[in-house]
Amino acid sequence: MPLTDKHIKKINGSIVTLFLLLFPAITIFSQQEKQFIREGNKKYEDKKYNESELNYKLGLNKNKDSYKATFNLGDAYYKQGKYEEAAEQFQMLTHRASSKDTLSRAYHNLGNSLLQSKKYEESINAYKNALKNNPNDEDTRYNLAYAQKMLKQQQQQNKDDKNKDNKDNKDNKNNKDQEKKDKEKKDKEQQKNDQKEDKGEQNKDQQKQQQQGQISKEDAQRLLDALQNDEKNLQDKMKKEKAKGVKVQIEKDW
């Protein structure tokens, strides 16, 4: 059945009544949110950053879209050295900022958090976005220059480390090659020495055999004398044998 003016008026009246019923609850939540933020700010000023963090979180429990609670929670994280958590809060705010000023401050704090985490390229981009929304922010301009300087140092350090690694690898390779050459040289020298020792042993054996085959001068003389003696005896014997075979004829006196 189509809606009539009477039905529309009745529905509108119900909506107004519902809003009026919810308004006190919304007001109470808003008051509690502000109270938690004020208490968090007080703790923050007293440098009780962990307590201020708790209060800001309680404020967000009352209103998860609270810009102030989110921004101040990021600050509380930053002061405690929780730079990644801080960056996460400020990154969310860059999509929710309502003006160039608030957007610039969100990017500025995002840049600071990234800078502390040594994410220099990302921090540079954040500072540049902050300056786009507030070109007159000298603090952001100074931080941008500092981040650019740190990035150059980081890149140079990475380059030096890479060159050092390459040099170390080259030195290690050269050392291994040299060790291999030294080993080969040592093996050759050892082989040469072994061959010399083997040859020396052979020479010793030959000398020993030669020495064993040689006789002294006295022994040689005695041997010579003995041979001469044997020859003389042999000749004498042969003479006697010859003498026996000769028939001597004599004249008989008949």
C-alpha atoms as a PDB file:
ATOM      1  CA  MET A   1       0.000   0.000   0.000  1.00  0.00           C
ATOM      2  CA  PRO A   2       1.462   3.407  -0.981  1.00  0.00           C
ATOM      3  CA  LEU A   3       2.622   5.755   1.759  1.00  0.00           C
ATOM      4  CA  THR A   4       0.215   8.647   2.487  1.00  0.00           C
ATOM      5  CA  ASP A   5       1.004  12.000   4.066  1.00  0.00           C
ATOM      6  CA  LYS A   6      -0.496  10.653   7.262  1.00  0.00           C
ATOM      7  CA  HIS A   7       1.974   7.756   7.319  1.00  0.00           C
ATOM      8  CA  ILE A   8       4.940  10.036   6.537  1.00  0.00           C
ATOM      9  CA  LYS A   9       4.038  12.399   9.374  1.00  0.00           C
ATOM     10  CA  LYS A  10       3.760   9.461  11.734  1.00  0.00           C
ATOM     11  CA  ILE A  11       7.218   8.111  10.696  1.00  0.00           C
ATOM     12  CA  ASN A  12       8.845  11.537  10.983  1.00  0.00           C
ATOM     13  CA  GLY A  13       7.361  11.926  14.422  1.00  0.00           C
ATOM     14  CA  SER A  14       8.829   8.568  15.466  1.00  0.00           C
ATOM     15  CA  ILE A  15      12.303   9.575  14.245  1.00  0.00           C
ATOM     16  CA  VAL A  16      12.215  12.857  16.156  1.00  0.00           C
ATOM     17  CA  THR A  17      11.068  11.074  19.276  1.00  0.00           C
ATOM     18  CA  LEU A  18      13.860   8.483  18.932  1.00  0.00           C
ATOM     19  CA  PHE A  19      16.514  11.190  18.479  1.00  0.00           C
ATOM     20  CA  LEU A  20      15.245  13.019  21.543  1.00  0.00           C
ATOM     21  CA  LEU A  21      15.486   9.832  23.534  1.00  0.00           C
ATOM     22  CA  LEU A  22      19.069   9.193  22.368  1.00  0.00           C
ATOM     23  CA  PHE A  23      20.319  12.756  22.777  1.00  0.00           C
ATOM     24  CA  PRO A  24      20.919  12.517  26.555  1.00  0.00           C
ATOM     25  CA  ALA A  25      22.989   9.339  26.081  1.00  0.00           C
ATOM     26  CA  ILE A  26      25.058  10.970  23.294  1.00  0.00           C
ATOM     27  CA  THR A  27      25.627  14.014  25.494  1.00  0.00           C
ATOM     28  CA  ILE A  28      26.790  11.825  28.381  1.00  0.00           C
ATOM     29  CA  PHE A  29      29.215   9.906  26.092  1.00  0.00           C
ATOM     30  CA  SER A  30      30.561  13.171  24.707  1.00  0.00           C
ATOM     31  CA  GLN A  31      31.130  14.553  28.169  1.00  0.00           C
ATOM     32  CA  GLN A  32      32.913  11.373  29.267  1.00  0.00           C
ATOM     33  CA  GLU A  33      35.086  11.452  26.141  1.00  0.00           C
ATOM     34  CA  LYS A  34      36.146  15.035  26.841  1.00  0.00           C
ATOM     35  CA  GLN A  35      36.754  14.211  30.491  1.00  0.00           C
ATOM     36  CA  PHE A  36      39.081  11.338  29.570  1.00  0.00           C
ATOM     37  CA  ILE A  37      40.930  13.539  27.080  1.00  0.00           C
ATOM     38  CA  ARG A  38      41.363  16.320  29.660  1.00  0.00           C
ATOM     39  CA  GLU A  39      42.629  13.791  32.213  1.00  0.00           C
ATOM     40  CA  GLY A  40      44.969  12.352  29.581  1.00  0.00           C
ATOM     41  CA  ASN A  41      46.325  15.817  28.775  1.00  0.00           C
ATOM     42  CA  LYS A  42      47.017  16.424  32.446  1.00  0.00           C
ATOM     43  CA  LYS A  43      48.941  13.155  32.747  1.00  0.00           C
ATOM     44  CA  TYR A  44      50.786  14.008  29.541  1.00  0.00           C
ATOM     45  CA  GLU A  45      51.899  17.369  30.919  1.00  0.00           C
ATOM     46  CA  ASP A  46      53.095  15.577  34.057  1.00  0.00           C
ATOM     47  CA  LYS A  47      55.135  13.292  31.768  1.00  0.00           C
ATOM     48  CA  LYS A  48      53.111  10.268  32.861  1.00  0.00           C
ATOM     49  CA  TYR A  49      52.792   9.138  29.296  1.00  0.00           C
ATOM     50  CA  ASN A  50      51.650   5.583  29.961  1.00  0.00           C
ATOM     51  CA  GLU A  51      48.764   6.894  32.098  1.00  0.00           C
ATOM     52  CA  SER A  52      47.866   9.508  29.487  1.00  0.00           C
ATOM     53  CA  GLU A  53      47.831   6.693  26.893  1.00  0.00           C
ATOM     54  CA  LEU A  54      45.258   4.833  29.002  1.00  0.00           C
ATOM     55  CA  ASN A  55      43.005   7.893  29.296  1.00  0.00           C
ATOM     56  CA  TYR A  56      43.106   8.603  25.575  1.00  0.00           C
ATOM     57  CA  LYS A  57      42.148   4.994  24.880  1.00  0.00           C
ATOM     58  CA  LEU A  58      39.216   5.344  27.294  1.00  0.00           C
ATOM     59  CA  GLY A  59      38.173   8.455  25.401  1.00  0.00           C
ATOM     60  CA  LEU A  60      38.264   6.480  22.145  1.00  0.00           C
ATOM     61  CA  ASN A  61      36.091   3.830  23.749  1.00  0.00           C
ATOM     62  CA  LYS A  62      33.448   6.513  24.155  1.00  0.00           C
ATOM     63  CA  ASN A  63      34.011   7.878  20.653  1.00  0.00           C
ATOM     64  CA  LYS A  64      36.168   5.821  18.293  1.00  0.00           C
ATOM     65  CA  ASP A  65      36.179   8.706  15.776  1.00  0.00           C
ATOM     66  CA  SER A  66      37.521  11.269  18.242  1.00  0.00           C
ATOM     67  CA  TYR A  67      40.190  13.241  16.372  1.00  0.00           C
ATOM     68  CA  LYS A  68      41.700  14.722  19.530  1.00  0.00           C
ATOM     69  CA  ALA A  69      41.912  11.392  21.360  1.00  0.00           C
ATOM     70  CA  THR A  70      43.546   9.759  18.345  1.00  0.00           C
ATOM     71  CA  PHE A  71      46.028  12.614  17.840  1.00  0.00           C
ATOM     72  CA  ASN A  72      46.974  12.789  21.515  1.00  0.00           C
ATOM     73  CA  LEU A  73      47.275   8.993  21.738  1.00  0.00           C
ATOM     74  CA  GLY A  74      49.828   9.193  18.924  1.00  0.00           C
ATOM     75  CA  ASP A  75      51.756  11.783  20.932  1.00  0.00           C
ATOM     76  CA  ALA A  76      51.659   9.562  24.041  1.00  0.00           C
ATOM     77  CA  TYR A  77      52.981   6.633  22.016  1.00  0.00           C
ATOM     78  CA  TYR A  78      55.748   8.821  20.585  1.00  0.00           C
ATOM     79  CA  LYS A  79      56.902   9.985  24.013  1.00  0.00           C
ATOM     80  CA  GLN A  80      57.186   6.348  25.126  1.00  0.00           C
ATOM     81  CA  GLY A  81      59.309   5.407  22.132  1.00  0.00           C
ATOM     82  CA  LYS A  82      56.487   3.426  20.521  1.00  0.00           C
ATOM     83  CA  TYR A  83      57.183   4.957  17.133  1.00  0.00           C
ATOM     84  CA  GLU A  84      55.400   2.392  14.981  1.00  0.00           C
ATOM     85  CA  GLU A  85      52.206   2.707  17.048  1.00  0.00           C
ATOM     86  CA  ALA A  86      52.484   6.491  16.902  1.00  0.00           C
ATOM     87  CA  ALA A  87      52.925   6.440  13.123  1.00  0.00           C
ATOM     88  CA  GLU A  88      49.826   4.272  12.818  1.00  0.00           C
ATOM     89  CA  GLN A  89      47.719   6.837  14.704  1.00  0.00           C
ATOM     90  CA  PHE A  90      48.950   9.814  12.670  1.00  0.00           C
ATOM     91  CA  GLN A  91      48.587   7.897   9.405  1.00  0.00           C
ATOM     92  CA  MET A  92      44.890   7.391  10.183  1.00  0.00           C
ATOM     93  CA  LEU A  93      44.468  11.099  10.847  1.00  0.00           C
ATOM     94  CA  THR A  94      45.852  12.079   7.418  1.00  0.00           C
ATOM     95  CA  HIS A  95      42.607  10.680   5.980  1.00  0.00           C
ATOM     96  CA  ARG A  96      40.364  12.370   8.541  1.00  0.00           C
ATOM     97  CA  ALA A  97      41.779  15.861   8.945  1.00  0.00           C
ATOM     98  CA  SER A  98      39.172  18.569   8.549  1.00  0.00           C
ATOM     99  CA  SER A  99      41.506  21.431   7.599  1.00  0.00           C
ATOM    100  CA  LYS A 100      44.913  22.102   6.066  1.00  0.00           C
ATOM    101  CA  ASP A 101      46.296  23.049   9.461  1.00  0.00           C
ATOM    102  CA  THR A 102      45.229  19.802  11.155  1.00  0.00           C
ATOM    103  CA  LEU A 103      46.383  17.814   8.102  1.00  0.00           C
ATOM    104  CA  SER A 104      49.777  19.525   8.200  1.00  0.00           C
ATOM    105  CA  ARG A 105      50.217  18.719  11.900  1.00  0.00           C
ATOM    106  CA  ALA A 106      49.213  15.088  11.338  1.00  0.00           C
ATOM    107  CA  TYR A 107      51.787  14.721   8.542  1.00  0.00           C
ATOM    108  CA  HIS A 108      54.416  16.520  10.622  1.00  0.00           C
ATOM    109  CA  ASN A 109      54.003  14.093  13.528  1.00  0.00           C
ATOM    110  CA  LEU A 110      53.855  11.162  11.123  1.00  0.00           C
ATOM    111  CA  GLY A 111      57.178  12.303   9.691  1.00  0.00           C
ATOM    112  CA  ASN A 112      58.691  12.517  13.174  1.00  0.00           C
ATOM    113  CA  SER A 113      57.557   8.985  14.049  1.00  0.00           C
ATOM    114  CA  LEU A 114      58.956   7.563  10.804  1.00  0.00           C
ATOM    115  CA  LEU A 115      62.184   9.496  11.284  1.00  0.00           C
ATOM    116  CA  GLN A 116      62.710   7.932  14.701  1.00  0.00           C
ATOM    117  CA  SER A 117      62.185   4.493  13.131  1.00  0.00           C
ATOM    118  CA  LYS A 118      64.918   5.378  10.570  1.00  0.00           C
ATOM    119  CA  LYS A 119      62.407   5.155   7.742  1.00  0.00           C
ATOM    120  CA  TYR A 120      63.926   8.229   6.150  1.00  0.00           C
ATOM    121  CA  GLU A 121      62.346   8.065   2.707  1.00  0.00           C
ATOM    122  CA  GLU A 122      58.849   7.708   4.184  1.00  0.00           C
ATOM    123  CA  SER A 123      59.483  10.503   6.684  1.00  0.00           C
ATOM    124  CA  ILE A 124      60.638  12.788   3.831  1.00  0.00           C
ATOM    125  CA  ASN A 125      57.385  12.164   1.985  1.00  0.00           C
ATOM    126  CA  ALA A 126      55.402  12.930   5.152  1.00  0.00           C
ATOM    127  CA  TYR A 127      57.239  16.226   5.714  1.00  0.00           C
ATOM    128  CA  LYS A 128      56.694  17.220   2.088  1.00  0.00           C
ATOM    129  CA  ASN A 129      52.952  16.596   2.470  1.00  0.00           C
ATOM    130  CA  ALA A 130      52.974  18.664   5.654  1.00  0.00           C
ATOM    131  CA  LEU A 131      54.614  21.567   3.805  1.00  0.00           C
ATOM    132  CA  LYS A 132      52.079  21.306   0.981  1.00  0.00           C
ATOM    133  CA  ASN A 133      49.386  22.096   3.525  1.00  0.00           C
ATOM    134  CA  ASN A 134      51.445  24.613   5.491  1.00  0.00           C
ATOM    135  CA  PRO A 135      54.423  25.991   3.493  1.00  0.00           C
ATOM    136  CA  ASN A 136      55.369  28.367   6.330  1.00  0.00           C
ATOM    137  CA  ASP A 137      56.050  25.640   8.929  1.00  0.00           C
ATOM    138  CA  GLU A 138      59.769  26.128   9.636  1.00  0.00           C
ATOM    139  CA  ASP A 139      59.935  23.153  12.040  1.00  0.00           C
ATOM    140  CA  THR A 140      58.752  20.843   9.298  1.00  0.00           C
ATOM    141  CA  ARG A 141      61.195  22.411   6.833  1.00  0.00           C
ATOM    142  CA  TYR A 142      64.074  21.844   9.272  1.00  0.00           C
ATOM    143  CA  ASN A 143      63.030  18.241   9.924  1.00  0.00           C
ATOM    144  CA  LEU A 144      62.767  17.613   6.184  1.00  0.00           C
ATOM    145  CA  ALA A 145      66.354  18.800   5.647  1.00  0.00           C
ATOM    146  CA  TYR A 146      67.529  16.633   8.540  1.00  0.00           C
ATOM    147  CA  ALA A 147      65.723  13.548   7.171  1.00  0.00           C
ATOM    148  CA  GLN A 148      67.270  14.119   3.733  1.00  0.00           C
ATOM    149  CA  LYS A 149      70.722  14.333   5.324  1.00  0.00           C
ATOM    150  CA  MET A 150      70.154  11.110   7.285  1.00  0.00           C
ATOM    151  CA  LEU A 151      68.926   9.359   4.132  1.00  0.00           C
ATOM    152  CA  LYS A 152      72.158  10.272   2.295  1.00  0.00           C
ATOM    153  CA  GLN A 153      74.224   8.978   5.204  1.00  0.00           C
ATOM    154  CA  GLN A 154      72.197   5.765   5.276  1.00  0.00           C
ATOM    155  CA  GLN A 155      72.642   5.254   1.527  1.00  0.00           C
ATOM    156  CA  GLN A 156      76.377   5.945   1.788  1.00  0.00           C
ATOM    157  CA  GLN A 157      76.673   3.532   4.710  1.00  0.00           C
ATOM    158  CA  ASN A 158      74.815   0.851   2.747  1.00  0.00           C
ATOM    159  CA  LYS A 159      77.136   1.458  -0.188  1.00  0.00           C
ATOM    160  CA  ASP A 160      80.225   1.232   2.032  1.00  0.00           C
ATOM    161  CA  ASP A 161      78.930  -1.955   3.657  1.00  0.00           C
ATOM    162  CA  LYS A 162      78.294  -3.475   0.232  1.00  0.00           C
ATOM    163  CA  ASN A 163      81.791  -2.515  -0.972  1.00  0.00           C
ATOM    164  CA  LYS A 164      83.267  -3.938   2.206  1.00  0.00           C
ATOM    165  CA  ASP A 165      81.380  -7.191   1.731  1.00  0.00           C
ATOM    166  CA  ASN A 166      82.574  -7.388  -1.871  1.00  0.00           C
ATOM    167  CA  LYS A 167      86.157  -6.668  -0.779  1.00  0.00           C
ATOM    168  CA  ASP A 168      85.958  -9.265   1.991  1.00  0.00           C
ATOM    169  CA  ASN A 169      84.593 -11.820  -0.457  1.00  0.00           C
ATOM    170  CA  LYS A 170      87.366 -10.981  -2.916  1.00  0.00           C
ATOM    171  CA  ASP A 171      90.013 -11.178  -0.191  1.00  0.00           C
ATOM    172  CA  ASN A 172      88.620 -14.507   0.960  1.00  0.00           C
ATOM    173  CA  LYS A 173      88.753 -15.813  -2.605  1.00  0.00           C
ATOM    174  CA  ASN A 174      92.317 -14.548  -3.030  1.00  0.00           C
ATOM    175  CA  ASN A 175      93.293 -16.108   0.278  1.00  0.00           C
ATOM    176  CA  LYS A 176      91.782 -19.430  -0.753  1.00  0.00           C
ATOM    177  CA  ASP A 177      93.566 -19.253  -4.105  1.00  0.00           C
ATOM    178  CA  GLN A 178      96.840 -18.424  -2.362  1.00  0.00           C
ATOM    179  CA  GLU A 179      96.344 -21.241   0.121  1.00  0.00           C
ATOM    180  CA  LYS A 180      95.728 -23.604  -2.788  1.00  0.00           C
ATOM    181  CA  LYS A 181      98.915 -22.418  -4.539  1.00  0.00           C
ATOM    182  CA  ASP A 182     100.917 -22.725  -1.324  1.00  0.00           C
ATOM    183  CA  LYS A 183      99.609 -26.246  -0.823  1.00  0.00           C
ATOM    184  CA  GLU A 184     100.457 -27.241  -4.378  1.00  0.00           C
ATOM    185  CA  LYS A 185     103.944 -25.758  -3.972  1.00  0.00           C
ATOM    186  CA  LYS A 186     104.413 -27.551  -0.675  1.00  0.00           C
ATOM    187  CA  ASP A 187     103.240 -30.835  -2.208  1.00  0.00           C
ATOM    188  CA  LYS A 188     105.687 -30.417  -5.097  1.00  0.00           C
ATOM    189  CA  GLU A 189     108.531 -29.665  -2.707  1.00  0.00           C
ATOM    190  CA  GLN A 190     107.598 -32.665  -0.608  1.00  0.00           C
ATOM    191  CA  GLN A 191     107.473 -34.850  -3.710  1.00  0.00           C
ATOM    192  CA  LYS A 192     110.848 -33.522  -4.780  1.00  0.00           C
ATOM    193  CA  ASN A 193     112.307 -34.193  -1.333  1.00  0.00           C
ATOM    194  CA  ASP A 194     110.830 -37.697  -1.377  1.00  0.00           C
ATOM    195  CA  GLN A 195     112.446 -38.319  -4.761  1.00  0.00           C
ATOM    196  CA  LYS A 196     115.777 -37.049  -3.421  1.00  0.00           C
ATOM    197  CA  GLU A 197     115.474 -39.306  -0.412  1.00  0.00           C
ATOM    198  CA  ASP A 198     114.663 -42.284  -2.642  1.00  0.00           C
ATOM    199  CA  LYS A 199     117.637 -41.482  -4.883  1.00  0.00           C
ATOM    200  CA  GLY A 200     119.841 -41.027  -1.843  1.00  0.00           C
ATOM    201  CA  GLU A 201     118.803 -44.415  -0.533  1.00  0.00           C
ATOM    202  CA  GLN A 202     119.563 -45.969  -3.912  1.00  0.00           C
ATOM    203  CA  ASN A 203     123.009 -44.341  -3.950  1.00  0.00           C
ATOM    204  CA  LYS A 204     123.660 -45.611  -0.467  1.00  0.00           C
ATOM    205  CA  ASP A 205     122.685 -49.127  -1.518  1.00  0.00           C
ATOM    206  CA  GLN A 206     124.923 -48.934  -4.574  1.00  0.00           C
ATOM    207  CA  GLN A 207     127.804 -47.616  -2.501  1.00  0.00           C
ATOM    208  CA  LYS A 208     127.240 -50.338   0.020  1.00  0.00           C
ATOM    209  CA  GLN A 209     127.217 -52.985  -2.700  1.00  0.00           C
ATOM    210  CA  GLN A 210     130.354 -51.494  -4.228  1.00  0.00           C
ATOM    211  CA  GLN A 211     131.990 -51.416  -0.836  1.00  0.00           C
ATOM    212  CA  GLN A 212     130.963 -54.997  -0.272  1.00  0.00           C
ATOM    213  CA  GLY A 213     132.484 -55.982  -3.681  1.00  0.00           C
ATOM    214  CA  GLN A 214     135.832 -54.230  -2.974  1.00  0.00           C
ATOM    215  CA  ILE A 215     138.776 -55.766  -0.960  1.00  0.00           C
ATOM    216  CA  SER A 216     141.546 -54.038   0.895  1.00  0.00           C
ATOM    217  CA  LYS A 217     145.047 -53.609  -0.546  1.00  0.00           C
ATOM    218  CA  GLU A 218     146.517 -56.081   1.922  1.00  0.00           C
ATOM    219  CA  ASP A 219     143.900 -58.709   1.075  1.00  0.00           C
ATOM    220  CA  ALA A 220     144.582 -58.168  -2.620  1.00  0.00           C
ATOM    221  CA  GLN A 221     148.340 -58.651  -2.083  1.00  0.00           C
ATOM    222  CA  ARG A 222     147.788 -61.810  -0.108  1.00  0.00           C
ATOM    223  CA  LEU A 223     145.474 -63.135  -2.763  1.00  0.00           C
ATOM    224  CA  LEU A 224     148.047 -62.313  -5.447  1.00  0.00           C
ATOM    225  CA  ASP A 225     150.822 -63.996  -3.478  1.00  0.00           C
ATOM    226  CA  ALA A 226     148.650 -67.049  -2.973  1.00  0.00           C
ATOM    227  CA  LEU A 227     147.921 -67.247  -6.703  1.00  0.00           C
ATOM    228  CA  GLN A 228     151.618 -66.879  -7.546  1.00  0.00           C
ATOM    229  CA  ASN A 229     152.442 -69.557  -4.986  1.00  0.00           C
ATOM    230  CA  ASP A 230     149.878 -71.883  -6.480  1.00  0.00           C
ATOM    231  CA  GLU A 231     151.267 -71.263  -9.948  1.00  0.00           C
ATOM    232  CA  LYS A 232     154.877 -71.993  -8.807  1.00  0.00           C
ATOM    233  CA  ASN A 233     153.809 -75.170  -7.091  1.00  0.00           C
ATOM    234  CA  LEU A 234     151.967 -76.173 -10.210  1.00  0.00           C
ATOM    235  CA  GLN A 235     155.038 -75.544 -12.365  1.00  0.00           C
ATOM    236  CA  ASP A 236     157.287 -77.489  -9.986  1.00  0.00           C
ATOM    237  CA  LYS A 237     154.839 -80.361 -10.064  1.00  0.00           C
ATOM    238  CA  MET A 238     154.755 -80.348 -13.813  1.00  0.00           C
ATOM    239  CA  LYS A 239     158.547 -80.384 -13.971  1.00  0.00           C
ATOM    240  CA  LYS A 240     158.689 -83.402 -11.717  1.00  0.00           C
ATOM    241  CA  GLU A 241     156.131 -85.213 -13.786  1.00  0.00           C
ATOM    242  CA  LYS A 242     158.123 -84.430 -16.874  1.00  0.00           C
ATOM    243  CA  ALA A 243     161.315 -85.676 -15.275  1.00  0.00           C
ATOM    244  CA  LYS A 244     159.715 -89.027 -14.484  1.00  0.00           C
ATOM    245  CA  GLY A 245     158.832 -89.625 -18.051  1.00  0.00           C
ATOM    246  CA  VAL A 246     162.394 -89.217 -19.416  1.00  0.00           C
ATOM    247  CA  LYS A 247     164.445 -92.484 -19.861  1.00  0.00           C
ATOM    248  CA  VAL A 248     168.055 -92.039 -19.139  1.00  0.00           C
ATOM    249  CA  GLN A 249     170.410 -94.246 -21.087  1.00  0.00           C
ATOM    250  CA  ILE A 250     173.820 -95.085 -19.713  1.00  0.00           C
ATOM    251  CA  GLU A 251     176.668 -96.871 -21.133  1.00  0.00           C
ATOM    252  CA  LYS A 252     177.239-100.258 -19.593  1.00  0.00           C
ATOM    253  CA  ASP A 253     180.548-101.569 -19.027  1.00  0.00           C
ATOM    254  CA  TRP A 254     180.362-104.956 -20.622  1.00  0.00           C
END
